Amino acid sequence: MRIVFFGTPSLAVPTLAALSESHTIAAVITQPDRPRGRSSKPEPSEVKQWAVAHGLTVDQPQRIHDGSFEASLKALEPDLCVVAAYGRLLRQAVLDVPPLGWLNMHPSLLPRWRGPSPIQSALLYGDVVTGVTIMRMVLEMDAGNIVLQEETPIGAEETAGELTDRLAVLGADAMVRAVDLIASGTAPDIVQDVSRVTTTTLFEKKYGNMVWAASASALHNQVRACNPWPMAQCRFRGQLCRILRTRLISDSEEKDAAPGTVLEVHKDHVVLATGKGKLALLQLQMAGKKPLDAADFLRGAHLTVGERFEDVH
C-alpha cells in the first residue's frame, strides 16, 4: 500500500519503521526544525532523523491550511495516510485526499484521554491500565471511529518517558495490523462512547511544582508524570531540587509531622511526610548538579530527620 506518514517525536518512529518494512512510504511529513532544550539552533524531529537516515522523502510544510499543501499531498497519490503524534490539526479538504482515509495512533484507550497529553494524564490520575488506539481521523480531535485497541498495565513506578517508549512499540504493532485490516476491507468501525470521554490539555512546566500538603499518592503520580519533562521540583535548603523518582510508602492519614518533613533516612532512600501518607525519595537532582540516586545524594547532603523539603513558590 502507498502511504504518506505524518509524525514528529520519538513516539512516532517505531510506527514509521514498522510500516516501511511492508508498505511504500511515499513521503514523511513532519514539523519544521525547531530549537530544543537550551540550544538556539534548530534541530530536526526524531521522525525526520530516522526518515533521512533511511532514504525516505521528507517534507516539513510551514503552512498546511492553504491549497498548496492539499495539492502536494494529492500529487503523492497516497492510498492511505497514517498519523502518529504529528502535532498539527488538519482541515477536511486534506482529510479527503487519500481514498482509504486516515489512521491515527493515539497513546490511550479512547475515549479516555483525548487530546495532547494522554500519557502524562494517565499517570497523573493514577490509572493502572492504558494502551493505544488506532482510529480513523475526523475533524474533531481524537473523536474518530476505533479500528482496534491494545491494553497494557502501567507499572507502579513507571515514568512518562518509560511508558512512552513502551506505547510507541505497542502502537507500531497495532498500526501494522490496522493497515492490513484496511487493505483487506475488514477493518472494524467502532463508534466512541461519548459518555466516557475525558480530555487533556497541553502539559505545562508549572505542573512540576510540588506541594507537599498533597497526598503521597498524588505526589508520586506527579513525579512519574513529569519525568522526563518538566520534572517535579521543590526546594531544599533554599535551592531548587528536582525529584526524579519516588516510591509510595503509605497513603493513609498520618500526622507524624508537617508535610515535607524528613521522617526516616535510610541507606538508599529518604522517607518524607506528606499531607496524607509517606513518600520515599529515590532519585534527586539539585540545581546545576547531575541526577543522583538517593544513596549518593545522602552521602553528600548529610540529611537529618526533621529537615524539610519545601514547596516551590
C-alpha atoms as a PDB file:
ATOM      1  CA  MET A   1       0.000   0.000   0.000  1.00  0.00           C
ATOM      2  CA  ARG A   2       1.176   3.542  -0.748  1.00  0.00           C
ATOM      3  CA  ILE A   3       1.256   5.551   2.500  1.00  0.00           C
ATOM      4  CA  VAL A   4       2.078   9.134   3.442  1.00  0.00           C
ATOM      5  CA  PHE A   5       3.210   9.219   7.076  1.00  0.00           C
ATOM      6  CA  PHE A   6       2.684  12.171   9.429  1.00  0.00           C
ATOM      7  CA  GLY A   7       4.636  12.248  12.715  1.00  0.00           C
ATOM      8  CA  THR A   8       7.144  14.227  14.750  1.00  0.00           C
ATOM      9  CA  PRO A   9       8.515  12.888  18.103  1.00  0.00           C
ATOM     10  CA  SER A  10      10.208   9.651  19.121  1.00  0.00           C
ATOM     11  CA  LEU A  11       6.795   8.121  19.904  1.00  0.00           C
ATOM     12  CA  ALA A  12       6.108   8.019  16.151  1.00  0.00           C
ATOM     13  CA  VAL A  13       9.376   6.452  14.971  1.00  0.00           C
ATOM     14  CA  PRO A  14       8.560   2.764  15.634  1.00  0.00           C
ATOM     15  CA  THR A  15       5.301   3.105  13.678  1.00  0.00           C
ATOM     16  CA  LEU A  16       7.102   4.627  10.688  1.00  0.00           C
ATOM     17  CA  ALA A  17       9.793   1.957  10.857  1.00  0.00           C
ATOM     18  CA  ALA A  18       7.268  -0.881  11.038  1.00  0.00           C
ATOM     19  CA  LEU A  19       5.173   0.404   8.135  1.00  0.00           C
ATOM     20  CA  SER A  20       8.232   0.938   5.947  1.00  0.00           C
ATOM     21  CA  GLU A  21       9.020  -2.778   6.113  1.00  0.00           C
ATOM     22  CA  SER A  22       5.875  -3.856   4.267  1.00  0.00           C
ATOM     23  CA  HIS A  23       4.486  -0.766   2.535  1.00  0.00           C
ATOM     24  CA  THR A  24       5.655   2.037   0.262  1.00  0.00           C
ATOM     25  CA  ILE A  25       6.205   5.254   2.205  1.00  0.00           C
ATOM     26  CA  ALA A  26       5.536   7.899  -0.446  1.00  0.00           C
ATOM     27  CA  ALA A  27       6.651  10.707   1.881  1.00  0.00           C
ATOM     28  CA  VAL A  28       7.138  11.579   5.528  1.00  0.00           C
ATOM     29  CA  ILE A  29       5.517  14.804   6.748  1.00  0.00           C
ATOM     30  CA  THR A  30       6.939  16.210   9.977  1.00  0.00           C
ATOM     31  CA  GLN A  31       7.091  19.549  11.758  1.00  0.00           C
ATOM     32  CA  PRO A  32       9.741  22.150  10.830  1.00  0.00           C
ATOM     33  CA  ASP A  33      13.103  22.066  12.588  1.00  0.00           C
ATOM     34  CA  ARG A  34      12.922  23.946  15.891  1.00  0.00           C
ATOM     35  CA  PRO A  35      15.265  24.826  18.777  1.00  0.00           C
ATOM     36  CA  ARG A  36      15.075  22.263  21.562  1.00  0.00           C
ATOM     37  CA  GLY A  37      16.382  22.352  25.106  1.00  0.00           C
ATOM     38  CA  ARG A  38      18.942  25.071  25.796  1.00  0.00           C
ATOM     39  CA  SER A  39      20.185  25.197  22.227  1.00  0.00           C
ATOM     40  CA  SER A  40      19.050  28.045  19.987  1.00  0.00           C
ATOM     41  CA  LYS A  41      19.993  26.064  16.895  1.00  0.00           C
ATOM     42  CA  PRO A  42      17.030  24.480  15.064  1.00  0.00           C
ATOM     43  CA  GLU A  43      17.112  20.690  15.279  1.00  0.00           C
ATOM     44  CA  PRO A  44      15.217  18.083  13.234  1.00  0.00           C
ATOM     45  CA  SER A  45      12.495  15.973  14.798  1.00  0.00           C
ATOM     46  CA  GLU A  46      13.210  12.349  15.662  1.00  0.00           C
ATOM     47  CA  VAL A  47      10.957  11.288  12.793  1.00  0.00           C
ATOM     48  CA  LYS A  48      12.914  13.405  10.306  1.00  0.00           C
ATOM     49  CA  GLN A  49      16.211  11.998  11.562  1.00  0.00           C
ATOM     50  CA  TRP A  50      15.001   8.421  11.080  1.00  0.00           C
ATOM     51  CA  ALA A  51      13.449   9.129   7.678  1.00  0.00           C
ATOM     52  CA  VAL A  52      16.567  10.840   6.310  1.00  0.00           C
ATOM     53  CA  ALA A  53      18.788   8.041   7.614  1.00  0.00           C
ATOM     54  CA  HIS A  54      16.638   5.528   5.739  1.00  0.00           C
ATOM     55  CA  GLY A  55      16.416   7.438   2.479  1.00  0.00           C
ATOM     56  CA  LEU A  56      12.778   8.499   2.695  1.00  0.00           C
ATOM     57  CA  THR A  57      11.381  11.703   1.209  1.00  0.00           C
ATOM     58  CA  VAL A  58      10.706  14.291   3.930  1.00  0.00           C
ATOM     59  CA  ASP A  59       8.510  17.382   3.775  1.00  0.00           C
ATOM     60  CA  GLN A  60       8.205  19.976   6.559  1.00  0.00           C
ATOM     61  CA  PRO A  61       5.453  22.369   5.494  1.00  0.00           C
ATOM     62  CA  GLN A  62       5.221  25.676   7.327  1.00  0.00           C
ATOM     63  CA  ARG A  63       1.607  26.071   6.211  1.00  0.00           C
ATOM     64  CA  ILE A  64      -0.886  23.236   5.993  1.00  0.00           C
ATOM     65  CA  HIS A  65      -4.142  25.179   5.742  1.00  0.00           C
ATOM     66  CA  ASP A  66      -3.805  26.522   2.232  1.00  0.00           C
ATOM     67  CA  GLY A  67      -4.419  24.836  -1.094  1.00  0.00           C
ATOM     68  CA  SER A  68      -0.740  24.262  -1.810  1.00  0.00           C
ATOM     69  CA  PHE A  69      -0.394  21.601   0.882  1.00  0.00           C
ATOM     70  CA  GLU A  70      -3.521  19.814  -0.264  1.00  0.00           C
ATOM     71  CA  ALA A  71      -2.200  19.848  -3.847  1.00  0.00           C
ATOM     72  CA  SER A  72       1.206  18.490  -2.831  1.00  0.00           C
ATOM     73  CA  LEU A  73      -0.462  15.676  -0.884  1.00  0.00           C
ATOM     74  CA  LYS A  74      -2.633  14.771  -3.880  1.00  0.00           C
ATOM     75  CA  ALA A  75       0.481  14.659  -6.066  1.00  0.00           C
ATOM     76  CA  LEU A  76       1.918  11.932  -3.826  1.00  0.00           C
ATOM     77  CA  GLU A  77      -1.095   9.731  -4.670  1.00  0.00           C
ATOM     78  CA  PRO A  78      -1.420   8.020  -1.284  1.00  0.00           C
ATOM     79  CA  ASP A  79      -3.829   5.141  -0.777  1.00  0.00           C
ATOM     80  CA  LEU A  80      -3.839   5.890   2.944  1.00  0.00           C
ATOM     81  CA  CYS A  81      -2.377   8.475   5.321  1.00  0.00           C
ATOM     82  CA  VAL A  82      -1.101   7.464   8.751  1.00  0.00           C
ATOM     83  CA  VAL A  83      -0.590   9.814  11.700  1.00  0.00           C
ATOM     84  CA  ALA A  84       1.365   9.285  14.913  1.00  0.00           C
ATOM     85  CA  ALA A  85       1.808  12.417  17.038  1.00  0.00           C
ATOM     86  CA  TYR A  86       2.176  14.874  14.166  1.00  0.00           C
ATOM     87  CA  GLY A  87       1.105  17.733  16.418  1.00  0.00           C
ATOM     88  CA  ARG A  88      -0.936  19.839  13.989  1.00  0.00           C
ATOM     89  CA  LEU A  89      -4.642  19.854  13.135  1.00  0.00           C
ATOM     90  CA  LEU A  90      -5.668  19.120   9.547  1.00  0.00           C
ATOM     91  CA  ARG A  91      -8.625  20.548   7.646  1.00  0.00           C
ATOM     92  CA  GLN A  92     -11.314  18.498   5.914  1.00  0.00           C
ATOM     93  CA  ALA A  93     -10.018  19.120   2.380  1.00  0.00           C
ATOM     94  CA  VAL A  94      -6.749  17.440   3.382  1.00  0.00           C
ATOM     95  CA  LEU A  95      -8.526  14.567   5.123  1.00  0.00           C
ATOM     96  CA  ASP A  96     -10.469  13.935   1.902  1.00  0.00           C
ATOM     97  CA  VAL A  97      -7.343  13.304  -0.220  1.00  0.00           C
ATOM     98  CA  PRO A  98      -6.491   9.590   0.325  1.00  0.00           C
ATOM     99  CA  PRO A  99      -9.174   7.184  -0.971  1.00  0.00           C
ATOM    100  CA  LEU A 100      -8.798   4.862   2.033  1.00  0.00           C
ATOM    101  CA  GLY A 101      -8.783   7.718   4.534  1.00  0.00           C
ATOM    102  CA  TRP A 102      -6.546   8.308   7.534  1.00  0.00           C
ATOM    103  CA  LEU A 103      -5.471   6.249  10.528  1.00  0.00           C
ATOM    104  CA  ASN A 104      -4.172   7.811  13.735  1.00  0.00           C
ATOM    105  CA  MET A 105      -2.218   6.101  16.528  1.00  0.00           C
ATOM    106  CA  HIS A 106      -3.187   7.629  19.888  1.00  0.00           C
ATOM    107  CA  PRO A 107      -1.438   6.525  23.129  1.00  0.00           C
ATOM    108  CA  SER A 108      -4.508   5.970  25.302  1.00  0.00           C
ATOM    109  CA  LEU A 109      -7.603   3.793  25.395  1.00  0.00           C
ATOM    110  CA  LEU A 110     -10.035   6.191  23.765  1.00  0.00           C
ATOM    111  CA  PRO A 111     -12.397   7.748  24.594  1.00  0.00           C
ATOM    112  CA  ARG A 112     -10.313   8.187  27.766  1.00  0.00           C
ATOM    113  CA  TRP A 113      -7.708  10.931  27.468  1.00  0.00           C
ATOM    114  CA  ARG A 114      -8.392  12.624  24.178  1.00  0.00           C
ATOM    115  CA  GLY A 115      -6.001  15.485  23.470  1.00  0.00           C
ATOM    116  CA  PRO A 116      -2.279  16.277  23.568  1.00  0.00           C
ATOM    117  CA  SER A 117      -1.128  14.768  26.902  1.00  0.00           C
ATOM    118  CA  PRO A 118      -2.672  11.301  27.295  1.00  0.00           C
ATOM    119  CA  ILE A 119       0.406   9.597  28.751  1.00  0.00           C
ATOM    120  CA  GLN A 120       1.072  12.229  31.408  1.00  0.00           C
ATOM    121  CA  SER A 121      -2.636  12.380  32.271  1.00  0.00           C
ATOM    122  CA  ALA A 122      -2.882   8.617  32.750  1.00  0.00           C
ATOM    123  CA  LEU A 123      -0.003   8.761  35.233  1.00  0.00           C
ATOM    124  CA  LEU A 124      -1.104  11.955  36.966  1.00  0.00           C
ATOM    125  CA  TYR A 125      -4.544  10.499  37.671  1.00  0.00           C
ATOM    126  CA  GLY A 126      -3.209   7.149  38.825  1.00  0.00           C
ATOM    127  CA  ASP A 127      -4.517   4.954  36.010  1.00  0.00           C
ATOM    128  CA  VAL A 128      -3.312   1.363  36.338  1.00  0.00           C
ATOM    129  CA  VAL A 129      -4.112   0.390  32.737  1.00  0.00           C
ATOM    130  CA  THR A 130      -3.588   2.264  29.483  1.00  0.00           C
ATOM    131  CA  GLY A 131      -2.874   1.329  25.889  1.00  0.00           C
ATOM    132  CA  VAL A 132      -3.026   2.502  22.303  1.00  0.00           C
ATOM    133  CA  THR A 133      -5.920   3.192  19.974  1.00  0.00           C
ATOM    134  CA  ILE A 134      -5.856   3.080  16.184  1.00  0.00           C
ATOM    135  CA  MET A 135      -8.717   5.219  14.927  1.00  0.00           C
ATOM    136  CA  ARG A 136      -9.967   6.835  11.768  1.00  0.00           C
ATOM    137  CA  MET A 137      -9.339  10.575  11.614  1.00  0.00           C
ATOM    138  CA  VAL A 138     -12.083  13.187  11.630  1.00  0.00           C
ATOM    139  CA  LEU A 139     -12.010  16.947  12.177  1.00  0.00           C
ATOM    140  CA  GLU A 140     -12.817  16.686  15.899  1.00  0.00           C
ATOM    141  CA  MET A 141      -9.695  15.843  17.896  1.00  0.00           C
ATOM    142  CA  ASP A 142      -9.344  12.110  18.653  1.00  0.00           C
ATOM    143  CA  ALA A 143     -13.061  11.511  18.013  1.00  0.00           C
ATOM    144  CA  GLY A 144     -12.856   9.125  15.051  1.00  0.00           C
ATOM    145  CA  ASN A 145     -14.193   5.583  14.982  1.00  0.00           C
ATOM    146  CA  ILE A 146     -11.929   2.951  16.510  1.00  0.00           C
ATOM    147  CA  VAL A 147     -10.307   0.264  14.357  1.00  0.00           C
ATOM    148  CA  LEU A 148      -8.501  -1.541  17.173  1.00  0.00           C
ATOM    149  CA  GLN A 149      -7.053  -1.103  20.668  1.00  0.00           C
ATOM    150  CA  GLU A 150      -4.314  -2.758  22.714  1.00  0.00           C
ATOM    151  CA  GLU A 151      -4.176  -2.597  26.519  1.00  0.00           C
ATOM    152  CA  THR A 152      -1.148  -2.685  28.806  1.00  0.00           C
ATOM    153  CA  PRO A 153      -0.760  -2.343  32.594  1.00  0.00           C
ATOM    154  CA  ILE A 154       1.083   0.677  33.982  1.00  0.00           C
ATOM    155  CA  GLY A 155       3.950  -0.086  36.351  1.00  0.00           C
ATOM    156  CA  ALA A 156       3.663   1.306  39.881  1.00  0.00           C
ATOM    157  CA  GLU A 157       6.842   3.366  39.438  1.00  0.00           C
ATOM    158  CA  GLU A 158       6.779   3.752  35.643  1.00  0.00           C
ATOM    159  CA  THR A 159       7.568   7.251  34.359  1.00  0.00           C
ATOM    160  CA  ALA A 160       6.104   9.106  31.397  1.00  0.00           C
ATOM    161  CA  GLY A 161       9.303   8.538  29.445  1.00  0.00           C
ATOM    162  CA  GLU A 162       9.299   4.806  30.078  1.00  0.00           C
ATOM    163  CA  LEU A 163       5.613   4.458  29.283  1.00  0.00           C
ATOM    164  CA  THR A 164       6.043   6.477  26.082  1.00  0.00           C
ATOM    165  CA  ASP A 165       8.725   4.072  24.892  1.00  0.00           C
ATOM    166  CA  ARG A 166       6.510   1.054  25.567  1.00  0.00           C
ATOM    167  CA  LEU A 167       3.431   2.544  23.928  1.00  0.00           C
ATOM    168  CA  ALA A 168       5.480   3.521  20.876  1.00  0.00           C
ATOM    169  CA  VAL A 169       6.308  -0.141  20.263  1.00  0.00           C
ATOM    170  CA  LEU A 170       2.787  -1.316  21.093  1.00  0.00           C
ATOM    171  CA  GLY A 171       1.342   1.321  18.771  1.00  0.00           C
ATOM    172  CA  ALA A 172       3.595   0.331  15.899  1.00  0.00           C
ATOM    173  CA  ASP A 173       2.421  -3.272  16.032  1.00  0.00           C
ATOM    174  CA  ALA A 174      -1.206  -2.175  16.303  1.00  0.00           C
ATOM    175  CA  MET A 175      -0.881   0.185  13.334  1.00  0.00           C
ATOM    176  CA  VAL A 176       0.577  -2.516  11.087  1.00  0.00           C
ATOM    177  CA  ARG A 177      -2.375  -4.772  11.900  1.00  0.00           C
ATOM    178  CA  ALA A 178      -4.847  -1.924  11.364  1.00  0.00           C
ATOM    179  CA  VAL A 179      -3.390  -1.105   7.943  1.00  0.00           C
ATOM    180  CA  ASP A 180      -3.705  -4.767   6.983  1.00  0.00           C
ATOM    181  CA  LEU A 181      -7.369  -4.689   8.031  1.00  0.00           C
ATOM    182  CA  ILE A 182      -7.946  -1.573   5.921  1.00  0.00           C
ATOM    183  CA  ALA A 183      -6.252  -3.222   2.945  1.00  0.00           C
ATOM    184  CA  SER A 184      -8.424  -6.326   3.239  1.00  0.00           C
ATOM    185  CA  GLY A 185     -11.623  -4.336   3.710  1.00  0.00           C
ATOM    186  CA  THR A 186     -12.301  -5.970   7.082  1.00  0.00           C
ATOM    187  CA  ALA A 187     -11.464  -3.092   9.459  1.00  0.00           C
ATOM    188  CA  PRO A 188     -13.919  -2.601  12.346  1.00  0.00           C
ATOM    189  CA  ASP A 189     -15.570   0.805  12.700  1.00  0.00           C
ATOM    190  CA  ILE A 190     -16.431   1.232  16.391  1.00  0.00           C
ATOM    191  CA  VAL A 191     -18.086   4.490  17.425  1.00  0.00           C
ATOM    192  CA  GLN A 192     -16.616   6.041  20.577  1.00  0.00           C
ATOM    193  CA  ASP A 193     -18.884   6.232  23.633  1.00  0.00           C
ATOM    194  CA  VAL A 194     -19.182   9.995  24.166  1.00  0.00           C
ATOM    195  CA  SER A 195     -20.444   9.481  27.724  1.00  0.00           C
ATOM    196  CA  ARG A 196     -16.970   8.183  28.666  1.00  0.00           C
ATOM    197  CA  VAL A 197     -14.887  10.939  27.063  1.00  0.00           C
ATOM    198  CA  THR A 198     -12.144  12.554  29.148  1.00  0.00           C
ATOM    199  CA  THR A 199      -9.852  15.210  27.721  1.00  0.00           C
ATOM    200  CA  THR A 200      -6.342  16.518  28.294  1.00  0.00           C
ATOM    201  CA  THR A 201      -4.647  19.868  27.787  1.00  0.00           C
ATOM    202  CA  LEU A 202      -1.056  20.696  26.919  1.00  0.00           C
ATOM    203  CA  PHE A 203       1.227  19.604  29.760  1.00  0.00           C
ATOM    204  CA  GLU A 204       2.891  22.739  31.162  1.00  0.00           C
ATOM    205  CA  LYS A 205       6.083  23.367  33.103  1.00  0.00           C
ATOM    206  CA  LYS A 206       4.119  24.606  36.123  1.00  0.00           C
ATOM    207  CA  TYR A 207       2.673  21.120  36.611  1.00  0.00           C
ATOM    208  CA  GLY A 208       6.048  20.112  38.035  1.00  0.00           C
ATOM    209  CA  ASN A 209       5.751  22.390  41.090  1.00  0.00           C
ATOM    210  CA  MET A 210       5.290  20.176  44.139  1.00  0.00           C
ATOM    211  CA  VAL A 211       3.023  20.950  47.088  1.00  0.00           C
ATOM    212  CA  TRP A 212       3.890  18.653  49.970  1.00  0.00           C
ATOM    213  CA  ALA A 213       0.432  19.060  51.540  1.00  0.00           C
ATOM    214  CA  ALA A 214      -0.916  16.860  48.736  1.00  0.00           C
ATOM    215  CA  SER A 215      -1.288  13.133  49.372  1.00  0.00           C
ATOM    216  CA  ALA A 216       1.646  10.782  48.954  1.00  0.00           C
ATOM    217  CA  SER A 217      -0.076   9.030  46.051  1.00  0.00           C
ATOM    218  CA  ALA A 218      -0.774  12.332  44.258  1.00  0.00           C
ATOM    219  CA  LEU A 219       2.851  13.433  44.668  1.00  0.00           C
ATOM    220  CA  HIS A 220       4.130  10.050  43.492  1.00  0.00           C
ATOM    221  CA  ASN A 221       1.933  10.263  40.398  1.00  0.00           C
ATOM    222  CA  GLN A 222       3.101  13.830  39.762  1.00  0.00           C
ATOM    223  CA  VAL A 223       6.743  12.755  39.843  1.00  0.00           C
ATOM    224  CA  ARG A 224       6.065   9.943  37.370  1.00  0.00           C
ATOM    225  CA  ALA A 225       4.047  12.147  35.012  1.00  0.00           C
ATOM    226  CA  CYS A 226       6.701  14.893  34.998  1.00  0.00           C
ATOM    227  CA  ASN A 227       9.657  12.642  34.145  1.00  0.00           C
ATOM    228  CA  PRO A 228      11.368  13.415  31.741  1.00  0.00           C
ATOM    229  CA  TRP A 229       9.690  16.832  31.428  1.00  0.00           C
ATOM    230  CA  PRO A 230       9.304  19.199  33.177  1.00  0.00           C
ATOM    231  CA  MET A 231      10.474  17.170  36.196  1.00  0.00           C
ATOM    232  CA  ALA A 232       8.804  17.570  39.572  1.00  0.00           C
ATOM    233  CA  GLN A 233      10.561  20.173  41.678  1.00  0.00           C
ATOM    234  CA  CYS A 234      10.605  21.552  45.209  1.00  0.00           C
ATOM    235  CA  ARG A 235      13.052  23.488  47.379  1.00  0.00           C
ATOM    236  CA  PHE A 236      15.662  22.023  49.713  1.00  0.00           C
ATOM    237  CA  ARG A 237      17.961  24.155  51.845  1.00  0.00           C
ATOM    238  CA  GLY A 238      16.925  27.179  49.815  1.00  0.00           C
ATOM    239  CA  GLN A 239      17.742  25.688  46.414  1.00  0.00           C
ATOM    240  CA  LEU A 240      15.628  24.147  43.672  1.00  0.00           C
ATOM    241  CA  CYS A 241      15.609  20.372  43.850  1.00  0.00           C
ATOM    242  CA  ARG A 242      14.173  18.059  41.239  1.00  0.00           C
ATOM    243  CA  ILE A 243      12.557  14.842  42.408  1.00  0.00           C
ATOM    244  CA  LEU A 244      13.066  12.278  39.657  1.00  0.00           C
ATOM    245  CA  ARG A 245      11.843   9.044  41.228  1.00  0.00           C
ATOM    246  CA  THR A 246       9.784   8.147  44.275  1.00  0.00           C
ATOM    247  CA  ARG A 247       8.090   5.174  45.893  1.00  0.00           C
ATOM    248  CA  LEU A 248       4.746   5.239  47.659  1.00  0.00           C
ATOM    249  CA  ILE A 249       5.222   4.041  51.258  1.00  0.00           C
ATOM    250  CA  SER A 250       1.713   4.640  52.586  1.00  0.00           C
ATOM    251  CA  ASP A 251      -1.339   6.664  51.655  1.00  0.00           C
ATOM    252  CA  SER A 252      -3.155   6.568  54.978  1.00  0.00           C
ATOM    253  CA  GLU A 253      -3.973   9.529  57.196  1.00  0.00           C
ATOM    254  CA  GLU A 254      -0.950  10.168  59.414  1.00  0.00           C
ATOM    255  CA  LYS A 255       0.026  13.234  61.423  1.00  0.00           C
ATOM    256  CA  ASP A 256       3.658  12.438  62.201  1.00  0.00           C
ATOM    257  CA  ALA A 257       5.000  15.810  61.067  1.00  0.00           C
ATOM    258  CA  ALA A 258       4.415  18.768  58.777  1.00  0.00           C
ATOM    259  CA  PRO A 259       4.282  17.932  55.045  1.00  0.00           C
ATOM    260  CA  GLY A 260       7.747  17.761  53.507  1.00  0.00           C
ATOM    261  CA  THR A 261       9.441  16.793  56.778  1.00  0.00           C
ATOM    262  CA  VAL A 262      12.111  14.082  56.714  1.00  0.00           C
ATOM    263  CA  LEU A 263      10.830  11.167  58.817  1.00  0.00           C
ATOM    264  CA  GLU A 264      13.417   8.479  58.087  1.00  0.00           C
ATOM    265  CA  VAL A 265      16.861   8.371  56.489  1.00  0.00           C
ATOM    266  CA  HIS A 266      17.909   5.010  55.051  1.00  0.00           C
ATOM    267  CA  LYS A 267      20.912   3.887  53.033  1.00  0.00           C
ATOM    268  CA  ASP A 268      19.168   4.141  49.667  1.00  0.00           C
ATOM    269  CA  HIS A 269      16.112   6.323  50.275  1.00  0.00           C
ATOM    270  CA  VAL A 270      14.631   9.008  52.483  1.00  0.00           C
ATOM    271  CA  VAL A 271      11.031   8.999  53.739  1.00  0.00           C
ATOM    272  CA  LEU A 272       9.044  12.232  53.871  1.00  0.00           C
ATOM    273  CA  ALA A 273       5.739  13.206  55.427  1.00  0.00           C
ATOM    274  CA  THR A 274       3.044  14.486  53.071  1.00  0.00           C
ATOM    275  CA  GLY A 275      -0.477  15.811  53.525  1.00  0.00           C
ATOM    276  CA  LYS A 276      -1.629  12.202  53.641  1.00  0.00           C
ATOM    277  CA  GLY A 277       0.789   9.301  53.854  1.00  0.00           C
ATOM    278  CA  LYS A 278       4.532   8.823  53.408  1.00  0.00           C
ATOM    279  CA  LEU A 279       6.676   9.088  50.290  1.00  0.00           C
ATOM    280  CA  ALA A 280      10.184   7.741  49.675  1.00  0.00           C
ATOM    281  CA  LEU A 281      12.599   9.766  47.543  1.00  0.00           C
ATOM    282  CA  LEU A 282      14.731   7.517  45.331  1.00  0.00           C
ATOM    283  CA  GLN A 283      16.431   9.909  42.902  1.00  0.00           C
ATOM    284  CA  LEU A 284      17.065  13.647  43.194  1.00  0.00           C
ATOM    285  CA  GLN A 285      18.842  16.459  41.361  1.00  0.00           C
ATOM    286  CA  MET A 286      19.926  19.724  42.937  1.00  0.00           C
ATOM    287  CA  ALA A 287      20.017  22.839  40.740  1.00  0.00           C
ATOM    288  CA  GLY A 288      23.073  22.813  38.489  1.00  0.00           C
ATOM    289  CA  LYS A 289      24.044  19.283  39.512  1.00  0.00           C
ATOM    290  CA  LYS A 290      23.641  15.867  37.906  1.00  0.00           C
ATOM    291  CA  PRO A 291      20.881  13.448  38.936  1.00  0.00           C
ATOM    292  CA  LEU A 292      21.799  11.257  41.895  1.00  0.00           C
ATOM    293  CA  ASP A 293      20.341   8.116  43.377  1.00  0.00           C
ATOM    294  CA  ALA A 294      19.273   8.770  46.956  1.00  0.00           C
ATOM    295  CA  ALA A 295      22.243   6.810  48.310  1.00  0.00           C
ATOM    296  CA  ASP A 296      24.734   9.127  46.584  1.00  0.00           C
ATOM    297  CA  PHE A 297      22.680  12.208  47.440  1.00  0.00           C
ATOM    298  CA  LEU A 298      22.613  11.278  51.120  1.00  0.00           C
ATOM    299  CA  ARG A 299      26.384  10.777  51.268  1.00  0.00           C
ATOM    300  CA  GLY A 300      26.896  14.377  50.234  1.00  0.00           C
ATOM    301  CA  ALA A 301      23.901  16.050  51.854  1.00  0.00           C
ATOM    302  CA  HIS A 302      24.166  14.539  55.381  1.00  0.00           C
ATOM    303  CA  LEU A 303      20.402  14.723  55.692  1.00  0.00           C
ATOM    304  CA  THR A 304      18.878  14.580  59.175  1.00  0.00           C
ATOM    305  CA  VAL A 305      15.444  13.639  60.477  1.00  0.00           C
ATOM    306  CA  GLY A 306      13.325  16.745  60.965  1.00  0.00           C
ATOM    307  CA  GLU A 307      14.681  18.710  57.995  1.00  0.00           C
ATOM    308  CA  ARG A 308      12.102  19.857  55.470  1.00  0.00           C
ATOM    309  CA  PHE A 309      11.672  19.882  51.731  1.00  0.00           C
ATOM    310  CA  GLU A 310       9.654  22.993  50.838  1.00  0.00           C
ATOM    311  CA  ASP A 311       7.094  23.848  48.168  1.00  0.00           C
ATOM    312  CA  VAL A 312       8.064  25.906  45.122  1.00  0.00           C
ATOM    313  CA  HIS A 313       6.529  29.380  45.378  1.00  0.00           C
END
